[in-house]
Amino acid sequence: MRFTALFSVAAAVASAFVSAEKYIIFLKKGASVDAYVAKITAVAPVEVTRTFDVFNGLVVETEAHTRDSLAAFPEVESVEVDQVITIGDCNTGPC
């Protein structure tokens, strides 16, 4: 019984590290979001989680693509990992 519980915990931890990564993709002016999505999904599956009207871009979630593979297309301006960025705590360092 104890082994089964430990195995279940280990499997859960391992699956957490295989989760999909989210990327913010900025396309060049005039590039088509739909055409870009068609190109990247032809290579490997992605889920488009958001598109933007303010700038020509989108957010995708994928297990198969990397930052470099998403940026390899000529219509891409840049690709960033979608992550939370925080400013340091003023109580522990200079502000």
PDB file of N, CA and C in Angstrom:
ATOM      1  N   MET A   1       0.838  -1.190   0.000  1.00  0.00           N
ATOM      2  CA  MET A   1       0.000   0.000   0.000  1.00  0.00           C
ATOM      3  C   MET A   1       0.881   1.251   0.000  1.00  0.00           C
ATOM      4  N   ARG A   2       1.925   1.238   0.824  1.00  0.00           N
ATOM      5  CA  ARG A   2       2.794   2.412   0.908  1.00  0.00           C
ATOM      6  C   ARG A   2       3.505   2.654  -0.428  1.00  0.00           C
ATOM      7  N   PHE A   3       3.969   1.567  -1.069  1.00  0.00           N
ATOM      8  CA  PHE A   3       4.626   1.692  -2.360  1.00  0.00           C
ATOM      9  C   PHE A   3       3.695   2.312  -3.392  1.00  0.00           C
ATOM     10  N   THR A   4       2.453   1.907  -3.397  1.00  0.00           N
ATOM     11  CA  THR A   4       1.473   2.444  -4.338  1.00  0.00           C
ATOM     12  C   THR A   4       1.285   3.939  -4.135  1.00  0.00           C
ATOM     13  N   ALA A   5       1.229   4.369  -2.892  1.00  0.00           N
ATOM     14  CA  ALA A   5       1.075   5.796  -2.605  1.00  0.00           C
ATOM     15  C   ALA A   5       2.296   6.575  -3.071  1.00  0.00           C
ATOM     16  N   LEU A   6       3.491   6.047  -2.808  1.00  0.00           N
ATOM     17  CA  LEU A   6       4.720   6.721  -3.250  1.00  0.00           C
ATOM     18  C   LEU A   6       4.799   6.773  -4.771  1.00  0.00           C
ATOM     19  N   PHE A   7       4.407   5.688  -5.422  1.00  0.00           N
ATOM     20  CA  PHE A   7       4.413   5.658  -6.880  1.00  0.00           C
ATOM     21  C   PHE A   7       3.450   6.693  -7.450  1.00  0.00           C
ATOM     22  N   SER A   8       2.282   6.829  -6.857  1.00  0.00           N
ATOM     23  CA  SER A   8       1.294   7.811  -7.316  1.00  0.00           C
ATOM     24  C   SER A   8       1.822   9.228  -7.187  1.00  0.00           C
ATOM     25  N   VAL A   9       2.487   9.514  -6.080  1.00  0.00           N
ATOM     26  CA  VAL A   9       3.069  10.847  -5.876  1.00  0.00           C
ATOM     27  C   VAL A   9       4.165  11.100  -6.904  1.00  0.00           C
ATOM     28  N   ALA A  10       5.030  10.117  -7.127  1.00  0.00           N
ATOM     29  CA  ALA A  10       6.108  10.272  -8.106  1.00  0.00           C
ATOM     30  C   ALA A  10       5.551  10.495  -9.506  1.00  0.00           C
ATOM     31  N   ALA A  11       4.510   9.784  -9.866  1.00  0.00           N
ATOM     32  CA  ALA A  11       3.897   9.953 -11.187  1.00  0.00           C
ATOM     33  C   ALA A  11       3.284  11.334 -11.336  1.00  0.00           C
ATOM     34  N   ALA A  12       2.663  11.830 -10.285  1.00  0.00           N
ATOM     35  CA  ALA A  12       2.059  13.169 -10.333  1.00  0.00           C
ATOM     36  C   ALA A  12       3.125  14.236 -10.490  1.00  0.00           C
ATOM     37  N   VAL A  13       4.237  14.093  -9.781  1.00  0.00           N
ATOM     38  CA  VAL A  13       5.334  15.059  -9.889  1.00  0.00           C
ATOM     39  C   VAL A  13       5.923  15.020 -11.287  1.00  0.00           C
ATOM     40  N   ALA A  14       6.138  13.841 -11.832  1.00  0.00           N
ATOM     41  CA  ALA A  14       6.699  13.715 -13.179  1.00  0.00           C
ATOM     42  C   ALA A  14       5.788  14.330 -14.222  1.00  0.00           C
ATOM     43  N   SER A  15       4.490  14.129 -14.109  1.00  0.00           N
ATOM     44  CA  SER A  15       3.569  14.691 -15.096  1.00  0.00           C
ATOM     45  C   SER A  15       3.523  16.206 -15.022  1.00  0.00           C
ATOM     46  N   ALA A  16       3.817  16.768 -13.870  1.00  0.00           N
ATOM     47  CA  ALA A  16       3.840  18.223 -13.737  1.00  0.00           C
ATOM     48  C   ALA A  16       4.963  18.826 -14.564  1.00  0.00           C
ATOM     49  N   PHE A  17       6.060  18.090 -14.742  1.00  0.00           N
ATOM     50  CA  PHE A  17       7.186  18.599 -15.504  1.00  0.00           C
ATOM     51  C   PHE A  17       7.025  18.404 -17.004  1.00  0.00           C
ATOM     52  N   VAL A  18       6.014  17.689 -17.446  1.00  0.00           N
ATOM     53  CA  VAL A  18       5.775  17.451 -18.862  1.00  0.00           C
ATOM     54  C   VAL A  18       4.622  18.313 -19.359  1.00  0.00           C
ATOM     55  N   SER A  19       4.204  19.262 -18.577  1.00  0.00           N
ATOM     56  CA  SER A  19       3.054  20.077 -18.944  1.00  0.00           C
ATOM     57  C   SER A  19       3.394  21.015 -20.098  1.00  0.00           C
ATOM     58  N   ALA A  20       2.369  21.509 -20.717  1.00  0.00           N
ATOM     59  CA  ALA A  20       2.533  22.400 -21.860  1.00  0.00           C
ATOM     60  C   ALA A  20       3.101  23.744 -21.424  1.00  0.00           C
ATOM     61  N   GLU A  21       3.808  24.367 -22.325  1.00  0.00           N
ATOM     62  CA  GLU A  21       4.394  25.683 -22.101  1.00  0.00           C
ATOM     63  C   GLU A  21       3.565  26.702 -22.873  1.00  0.00           C
ATOM     64  N   LYS A  22       3.424  27.899 -22.308  1.00  0.00           N
ATOM     65  CA  LYS A  22       2.702  28.978 -22.994  1.00  0.00           C
ATOM     66  C   LYS A  22       3.709  29.992 -23.530  1.00  0.00           C
ATOM     67  N   TYR A  23       3.427  30.492 -24.727  1.00  0.00           N
ATOM     68  CA  TYR A  23       4.294  31.470 -25.381  1.00  0.00           C
ATOM     69  C   TYR A  23       3.468  32.635 -25.899  1.00  0.00           C
ATOM     70  N   ILE A  24       4.009  33.841 -25.765  1.00  0.00           N
ATOM     71  CA  ILE A  24       3.436  35.036 -26.378  1.00  0.00           C
ATOM     72  C   ILE A  24       4.215  35.262 -27.665  1.00  0.00           C
ATOM     73  N   ILE A  25       3.503  35.321 -28.775  1.00  0.00           N
ATOM     74  CA  ILE A  25       4.144  35.449 -30.082  1.00  0.00           C
ATOM     75  C   ILE A  25       3.735  36.775 -30.702  1.00  0.00           C
ATOM     76  N   PHE A  26       4.731  37.592 -31.022  1.00  0.00           N
ATOM     77  CA  PHE A  26       4.519  38.875 -31.682  1.00  0.00           C
ATOM     78  C   PHE A  26       4.833  38.686 -33.161  1.00  0.00           C
ATOM     79  N   LEU A  27       3.843  38.965 -34.017  1.00  0.00           N
ATOM     80  CA  LEU A  27       4.042  38.837 -35.455  1.00  0.00           C
ATOM     81  C   LEU A  27       4.393  40.189 -36.065  1.00  0.00           C
ATOM     82  N   LYS A  28       5.087  40.142 -37.200  1.00  0.00           N
ATOM     83  CA  LYS A  28       5.445  41.367 -37.912  1.00  0.00           C
ATOM     84  C   LYS A  28       4.189  42.034 -38.461  1.00  0.00           C
ATOM     85  N   LYS A  29       4.289  43.335 -38.666  1.00  0.00           N
ATOM     86  CA  LYS A  29       3.170  44.105 -39.203  1.00  0.00           C
ATOM     87  C   LYS A  29       2.741  43.511 -40.543  1.00  0.00           C
ATOM     88  N   GLY A  30       1.439  43.305 -40.686  1.00  0.00           N
ATOM     89  CA  GLY A  30       0.890  42.768 -41.921  1.00  0.00           C
ATOM     90  C   GLY A  30       0.808  41.248 -41.977  1.00  0.00           C
ATOM     91  N   ALA A  31       1.441  40.560 -41.033  1.00  0.00           N
ATOM     92  CA  ALA A  31       1.382  39.097 -41.021  1.00  0.00           C
ATOM     93  C   ALA A  31       0.011  38.639 -40.526  1.00  0.00           C
ATOM     94  N   SER A  32      -0.450  37.535 -41.043  1.00  0.00           N
ATOM     95  CA  SER A  32      -1.763  36.995 -40.681  1.00  0.00           C
ATOM     96  C   SER A  32      -1.633  35.999 -39.526  1.00  0.00           C
ATOM     97  N   VAL A  33      -2.381  36.249 -38.455  1.00  0.00           N
ATOM     98  CA  VAL A  33      -2.398  35.321 -37.320  1.00  0.00           C
ATOM     99  C   VAL A  33      -2.917  33.958 -37.777  1.00  0.00           C
ATOM    100  N   ASP A  34      -3.989  33.950 -38.542  1.00  0.00           N
ATOM    101  CA  ASP A  34      -4.575  32.684 -39.001  1.00  0.00           C
ATOM    102  C   ASP A  34      -3.603  31.881 -39.866  1.00  0.00           C
ATOM    103  N   ALA A  35      -2.891  32.549 -40.754  1.00  0.00           N
ATOM    104  CA  ALA A  35      -1.927  31.856 -41.612  1.00  0.00           C
ATOM    105  C   ALA A  35      -0.773  31.292 -40.783  1.00  0.00           C
ATOM    106  N   TYR A  36      -0.323  32.056 -39.790  1.00  0.00           N
ATOM    107  CA  TYR A  36       0.754  31.585 -38.915  1.00  0.00           C
ATOM    108  C   TYR A  36       0.306  30.365 -38.114  1.00  0.00           C
ATOM    109  N   VAL A  37      -0.888  30.420 -37.559  1.00  0.00           N
ATOM    110  CA  VAL A  37      -1.412  29.286 -36.784  1.00  0.00           C
ATOM    111  C   VAL A  37      -1.514  28.046 -37.669  1.00  0.00           C
ATOM    112  N   ALA A  38      -1.937  28.218 -38.905  1.00  0.00           N
ATOM    113  CA  ALA A  38      -2.018  27.084 -39.833  1.00  0.00           C
ATOM    114  C   ALA A  38      -0.638  26.460 -40.055  1.00  0.00           C
ATOM    115  N   LYS A  39       0.389  27.294 -40.160  1.00  0.00           N
ATOM    116  CA  LYS A  39       1.750  26.786 -40.367  1.00  0.00           C
ATOM    117  C   LYS A  39       2.260  26.012 -39.155  1.00  0.00           C
ATOM    118  N   ILE A  40       2.079  26.572 -37.958  1.00  0.00           N
ATOM    119  CA  ILE A  40       2.641  25.900 -36.779  1.00  0.00           C
ATOM    120  C   ILE A  40       1.858  24.645 -36.404  1.00  0.00           C
ATOM    121  N   THR A  41       0.553  24.636 -36.662  1.00  0.00           N
ATOM    122  CA  THR A  41      -0.224  23.428 -36.368  1.00  0.00           C
ATOM    123  C   THR A  41       0.040  22.321 -37.387  1.00  0.00           C
ATOM    124  N   ALA A  42       0.539  22.677 -38.565  1.00  0.00           N
ATOM    125  CA  ALA A  42       0.928  21.658 -39.540  1.00  0.00           C
ATOM    126  C   ALA A  42       2.169  20.904 -39.068  1.00  0.00           C
ATOM    127  N   VAL A  43       2.980  21.553 -38.239  1.00  0.00           N
ATOM    128  CA  VAL A  43       4.202  20.941 -37.707  1.00  0.00           C
ATOM    129  C   VAL A  43       3.901  20.129 -36.447  1.00  0.00           C
ATOM    130  N   ALA A  44       3.151  20.726 -35.523  1.00  0.00           N
ATOM    131  CA  ALA A  44       2.815  20.069 -34.248  1.00  0.00           C
ATOM    132  C   ALA A  44       1.609  20.779 -33.642  1.00  0.00           C
ATOM    133  N   PRO A  45       0.846  20.079 -32.813  1.00  0.00           N
ATOM    134  CA  PRO A  45      -0.372  20.685 -32.253  1.00  0.00           C
ATOM    135  C   PRO A  45      -0.092  21.843 -31.299  1.00  0.00           C
ATOM    136  N   VAL A  46      -0.948  22.850 -31.377  1.00  0.00           N
ATOM    137  CA  VAL A  46      -0.920  23.986 -30.454  1.00  0.00           C
ATOM    138  C   VAL A  46      -2.359  24.344 -30.110  1.00  0.00           C
ATOM    139  N   GLU A  47      -2.511  24.997 -28.978  1.00  0.00           N
ATOM    140  CA  GLU A  47      -3.814  25.551 -28.608  1.00  0.00           C
ATOM    141  C   GLU A  47      -3.654  27.060 -28.522  1.00  0.00           C
ATOM    142  N   VAL A  48      -4.396  27.787 -29.328  1.00  0.00           N
ATOM    143  CA  VAL A  48      -4.377  29.247 -29.262  1.00  0.00           C
ATOM    144  C   VAL A  48      -5.270  29.646 -28.096  1.00  0.00           C
ATOM    145  N   THR A  49      -4.668  30.274 -27.086  1.00  0.00           N
ATOM    146  CA  THR A  49      -5.443  30.644 -25.903  1.00  0.00           C
ATOM    147  C   THR A  49      -5.888  32.096 -25.927  1.00  0.00           C
ATOM    148  N   ARG A  50      -5.243  32.913 -26.788  1.00  0.00           N
ATOM    149  CA  ARG A  50      -5.631  34.320 -26.866  1.00  0.00           C
ATOM    150  C   ARG A  50      -5.016  34.965 -28.101  1.00  0.00           C
ATOM    151  N   THR A  51      -5.750  35.876 -28.701  1.00  0.00           N
ATOM    152  CA  THR A  51      -5.207  36.729 -29.759  1.00  0.00           C
ATOM    153  C   THR A  51      -5.361  38.173 -29.307  1.00  0.00           C
ATOM    154  N   PHE A  52      -4.575  39.059 -29.902  1.00  0.00           N
ATOM    155  CA  PHE A  52      -4.565  40.456 -29.485  1.00  0.00           C
ATOM    156  C   PHE A  52      -4.901  41.378 -30.645  1.00  0.00           C
ATOM    157  N   ASP A  53      -5.719  42.388 -30.371  1.00  0.00           N
ATOM    158  CA  ASP A  53      -6.020  43.424 -31.348  1.00  0.00           C
ATOM    159  C   ASP A  53      -5.050  44.595 -31.221  1.00  0.00           C
ATOM    160  N   VAL A  54      -4.529  44.795 -30.024  1.00  0.00           N
ATOM    161  CA  VAL A  54      -3.640  45.932 -29.760  1.00  0.00           C
ATOM    162  C   VAL A  54      -2.333  45.792 -30.534  1.00  0.00           C
ATOM    163  N   PHE A  55      -1.807  44.587 -30.596  1.00  0.00           N
ATOM    164  CA  PHE A  55      -0.633  44.303 -31.413  1.00  0.00           C
ATOM    165  C   PHE A  55      -0.917  43.016 -32.180  1.00  0.00           C
ATOM    166  N   ASN A  56      -0.164  42.782 -33.209  1.00  0.00           N
ATOM    167  CA  ASN A  56      -0.375  41.610 -34.051  1.00  0.00           C
ATOM    168  C   ASN A  56       0.278  40.401 -33.384  1.00  0.00           C
ATOM    169  N   GLY A  57      -0.494  39.690 -32.563  1.00  0.00           N
ATOM    170  CA  GLY A  57       0.096  38.563 -31.856  1.00  0.00           C
ATOM    171  C   GLY A  57      -0.925  37.642 -31.232  1.00  0.00           C
ATOM    172  N   LEU A  58      -0.401  36.635 -30.554  1.00  0.00           N
ATOM    173  CA  LEU A  58      -1.240  35.614 -29.946  1.00  0.00           C
ATOM    174  C   LEU A  58      -0.485  34.910 -28.831  1.00  0.00           C
ATOM    175  N   VAL A  59      -1.230  34.156 -28.031  1.00  0.00           N
ATOM    176  CA  VAL A  59      -0.653  33.289 -27.011  1.00  0.00           C
ATOM    177  C   VAL A  59      -1.032  31.867 -27.379  1.00  0.00           C
ATOM    178  N   VAL A  60      -0.031  30.974 -27.364  1.00  0.00           N
ATOM    179  CA  VAL A  60      -0.294  29.568 -27.644  1.00  0.00           C
ATOM    180  C   VAL A  60       0.200  28.712 -26.492  1.00  0.00           C
ATOM    181  N   GLU A  61      -0.421  27.553 -26.353  1.00  0.00           N
ATOM    182  CA  GLU A  61       0.014  26.556 -25.381  1.00  0.00           C
ATOM    183  C   GLU A  61       0.377  25.307 -26.166  1.00  0.00           C
ATOM    184  N   THR A  62       1.566  24.766 -25.905  1.00  0.00           N
ATOM    185  CA  THR A  62       2.037  23.619 -26.669  1.00  0.00           C
ATOM    186  C   THR A  62       3.012  22.781 -25.857  1.00  0.00           C
ATOM    187  N   GLU A  63       2.988  21.489 -26.095  1.00  0.00           N
ATOM    188  CA  GLU A  63       3.978  20.586 -25.518  1.00  0.00           C
ATOM    189  C   GLU A  63       5.072  20.274 -26.531  1.00  0.00           C
ATOM    190  N   ALA A  64       4.770  20.439 -27.805  1.00  0.00           N
ATOM    191  CA  ALA A  64       5.682  20.010 -28.858  1.00  0.00           C
ATOM    192  C   ALA A  64       6.625  21.106 -29.341  1.00  0.00           C
ATOM    193  N   HIS A  65       6.152  22.331 -29.407  1.00  0.00           N
ATOM    194  CA  HIS A  65       6.979  23.426 -29.912  1.00  0.00           C
ATOM    195  C   HIS A  65       7.856  24.002 -28.808  1.00  0.00           C
ATOM    196  N   THR A  66       8.950  24.624 -29.242  1.00  0.00           N
ATOM    197  CA  THR A  66       9.827  25.373 -28.343  1.00  0.00           C
ATOM    198  C   THR A  66       9.795  26.834 -28.765  1.00  0.00           C
ATOM    199  N   ARG A  67      10.411  27.664 -27.974  1.00  0.00           N
ATOM    200  CA  ARG A  67      10.502  29.087 -28.324  1.00  0.00           C
ATOM    201  C   ARG A  67      11.168  29.246 -29.696  1.00  0.00           C
ATOM    202  N   ASP A  68      12.237  28.506 -29.914  1.00  0.00           N
ATOM    203  CA  ASP A  68      12.959  28.608 -31.186  1.00  0.00           C
ATOM    204  C   ASP A  68      12.146  28.090 -32.367  1.00  0.00           C
ATOM    205  N   SER A  69      11.411  27.005 -32.173  1.00  0.00           N
ATOM    206  CA  SER A  69      10.631  26.473 -33.302  1.00  0.00           C
ATOM    207  C   SER A  69       9.478  27.399 -33.672  1.00  0.00           C
ATOM    208  N   LEU A  70       8.916  28.082 -32.688  1.00  0.00           N
ATOM    209  CA  LEU A  70       7.848  29.048 -32.975  1.00  0.00           C
ATOM    210  C   LEU A  70       8.401  30.305 -33.647  1.00  0.00           C
ATOM    211  N   ALA A  71       9.634  30.669 -33.303  1.00  0.00           N
ATOM    212  CA  ALA A  71      10.257  31.879 -33.857  1.00  0.00           C
ATOM    213  C   ALA A  71      10.877  31.650 -35.229  1.00  0.00           C
ATOM    214  N   ALA A  72      10.952  30.409 -35.685  1.00  0.00           N
ATOM    215  CA  ALA A  72      11.641  30.089 -36.937  1.00  0.00           C
ATOM    216  C   ALA A  72      10.904  30.551 -38.192  1.00  0.00           C
ATOM    217  N   PHE A  73       9.666  30.966 -38.057  1.00  0.00           N
ATOM    218  CA  PHE A  73       8.879  31.385 -39.214  1.00  0.00           C
ATOM    219  C   PHE A  73       9.156  32.853 -39.533  1.00  0.00           C
ATOM    220  N   PRO A  74       9.209  33.215 -40.827  1.00  0.00           N
ATOM    221  CA  PRO A  74       9.608  34.570 -41.215  1.00  0.00           C
ATOM    222  C   PRO A  74       8.664  35.679 -40.753  1.00  0.00           C
ATOM    223  N   GLU A  75       7.405  35.366 -40.485  1.00  0.00           N
ATOM    224  CA  GLU A  75       6.463  36.403 -40.064  1.00  0.00           C
ATOM    225  C   GLU A  75       6.540  36.733 -38.576  1.00  0.00           C
ATOM    226  N   VAL A  76       7.413  36.046 -37.842  1.00  0.00           N
ATOM    227  CA  VAL A  76       7.511  36.246 -36.395  1.00  0.00           C
ATOM    228  C   VAL A  76       8.511  37.346 -36.066  1.00  0.00           C
ATOM    229  N   GLU A  77       8.055  38.307 -35.270  1.00  0.00           N
ATOM    230  CA  GLU A  77       8.923  39.375 -34.762  1.00  0.00           C
ATOM    231  C   GLU A  77       9.690  38.874 -33.542  1.00  0.00           C
ATOM    232  N   SER A  78       8.976  38.277 -32.572  1.00  0.00           N
ATOM    233  CA  SER A  78       9.625  37.724 -31.381  1.00  0.00           C
ATOM    234  C   SER A  78       8.686  36.761 -30.667  1.00  0.00           C
ATOM    235  N   VAL A  79       9.276  35.924 -29.811  1.00  0.00           N
ATOM    236  CA  VAL A  79       8.526  34.958 -29.005  1.00  0.00           C
ATOM    237  C   VAL A  79       9.043  35.045 -27.578  1.00  0.00           C
ATOM    238  N   GLU A  80       8.122  35.137 -26.640  1.00  0.00           N
ATOM    239  CA  GLU A  80       8.479  35.187 -25.219  1.00  0.00           C
ATOM    240  C   GLU A  80       7.703  34.111 -24.475  1.00  0.00           C
ATOM    241  N   VAL A  81       8.335  33.534 -23.463  1.00  0.00           N
ATOM    242  CA  VAL A  81       7.630  32.594 -22.594  1.00  0.00           C
ATOM    243  C   VAL A  81       6.619  33.394 -21.784  1.00  0.00           C
ATOM    244  N   ASP A  82       5.384  32.922 -21.731  1.00  0.00           N
ATOM    245  CA  ASP A  82       4.333  33.574 -20.946  1.00  0.00           C
ATOM    246  C   ASP A  82       4.561  33.217 -19.483  1.00  0.00           C
ATOM    247  N   GLN A  83       4.993  34.200 -18.709  1.00  0.00           N
ATOM    248  CA  GLN A  83       5.315  33.962 -17.309  1.00  0.00           C
ATOM    249  C   GLN A  83       5.025  35.192 -16.473  1.00  0.00           C
ATOM    250  N   VAL A  84       4.936  34.990 -15.198  1.00  0.00           N
ATOM    251  CA  VAL A  84       4.723  36.093 -14.268  1.00  0.00           C
ATOM    252  C   VAL A  84       6.079  36.670 -13.898  1.00  0.00           C
ATOM    253  N   ILE A  85       6.195  37.979 -13.994  1.00  0.00           N
ATOM    254  CA  ILE A  85       7.420  38.671 -13.603  1.00  0.00           C
ATOM    255  C   ILE A  85       7.070  39.602 -12.463  1.00  0.00           C
ATOM    256  N   THR A  86       7.847  39.538 -11.401  1.00  0.00           N
ATOM    257  CA  THR A  86       7.579  40.385 -10.240  1.00  0.00           C
ATOM    258  C   THR A  86       8.767  41.284  -9.962  1.00  0.00           C
ATOM    259  N   ILE A  87       8.492  42.369  -9.286  1.00  0.00           N
ATOM    260  CA  ILE A  87       9.533  43.280  -8.830  1.00  0.00           C
ATOM    261  C   ILE A  87       9.882  42.869  -7.413  1.00  0.00           C
ATOM    262  N   GLY A  88      11.155  42.948  -7.069  1.00  0.00           N
ATOM    263  CA  GLY A  88      11.615  42.530  -5.749  1.00  0.00           C
ATOM    264  C   GLY A  88      10.894  43.221  -4.612  1.00  0.00           C
ATOM    265  N   ASP A  89      10.944  42.590  -3.465  1.00  0.00           N
ATOM    266  CA  ASP A  89      10.329  43.099  -2.249  1.00  0.00           C
ATOM    267  C   ASP A  89      11.199  44.216  -1.683  1.00  0.00           C
ATOM    268  N   CYS A  90      10.633  45.382  -1.481  1.00  0.00           N
ATOM    269  CA  CYS A  90      11.392  46.526  -0.964  1.00  0.00           C
ATOM    270  C   CYS A  90      11.921  46.280   0.448  1.00  0.00           C
ATOM    271  N   ASN A  91      11.347  45.330   1.161  1.00  0.00           N
ATOM    272  CA  ASN A  91      11.802  45.042   2.519  1.00  0.00           C
ATOM    273  C   ASN A  91      13.066  44.196   2.546  1.00  0.00           C
ATOM    274  N   THR A  92      13.398  43.545   1.429  1.00  0.00           N
ATOM    275  CA  THR A  92      14.573  42.673   1.414  1.00  0.00           C
ATOM    276  C   THR A  92      15.692  43.190   0.522  1.00  0.00           C
ATOM    277  N   GLY A  93      15.471  44.273  -0.189  1.00  0.00           N
ATOM    278  CA  GLY A  93      16.502  44.793  -1.075  1.00  0.00           C
ATOM    279  C   GLY A  93      16.238  46.234  -1.417  1.00  0.00           C
ATOM    280  N   PRO A  94      17.127  46.830  -2.201  1.00  0.00           N
ATOM    281  CA  PRO A  94      16.942  48.244  -2.567  1.00  0.00           C
ATOM    282  C   PRO A  94      15.724  48.454  -3.455  1.00  0.00           C
ATOM    283  N   CYS A  95      15.078  49.589  -3.267  1.00  0.00           N
ATOM    284  CA  CYS A  95      13.926  49.965  -4.095  1.00  0.00           C
ATOM    285  C   CYS A  95      14.126  51.343  -4.663  1.00  0.00           C
TER     286      CYS A  95
END
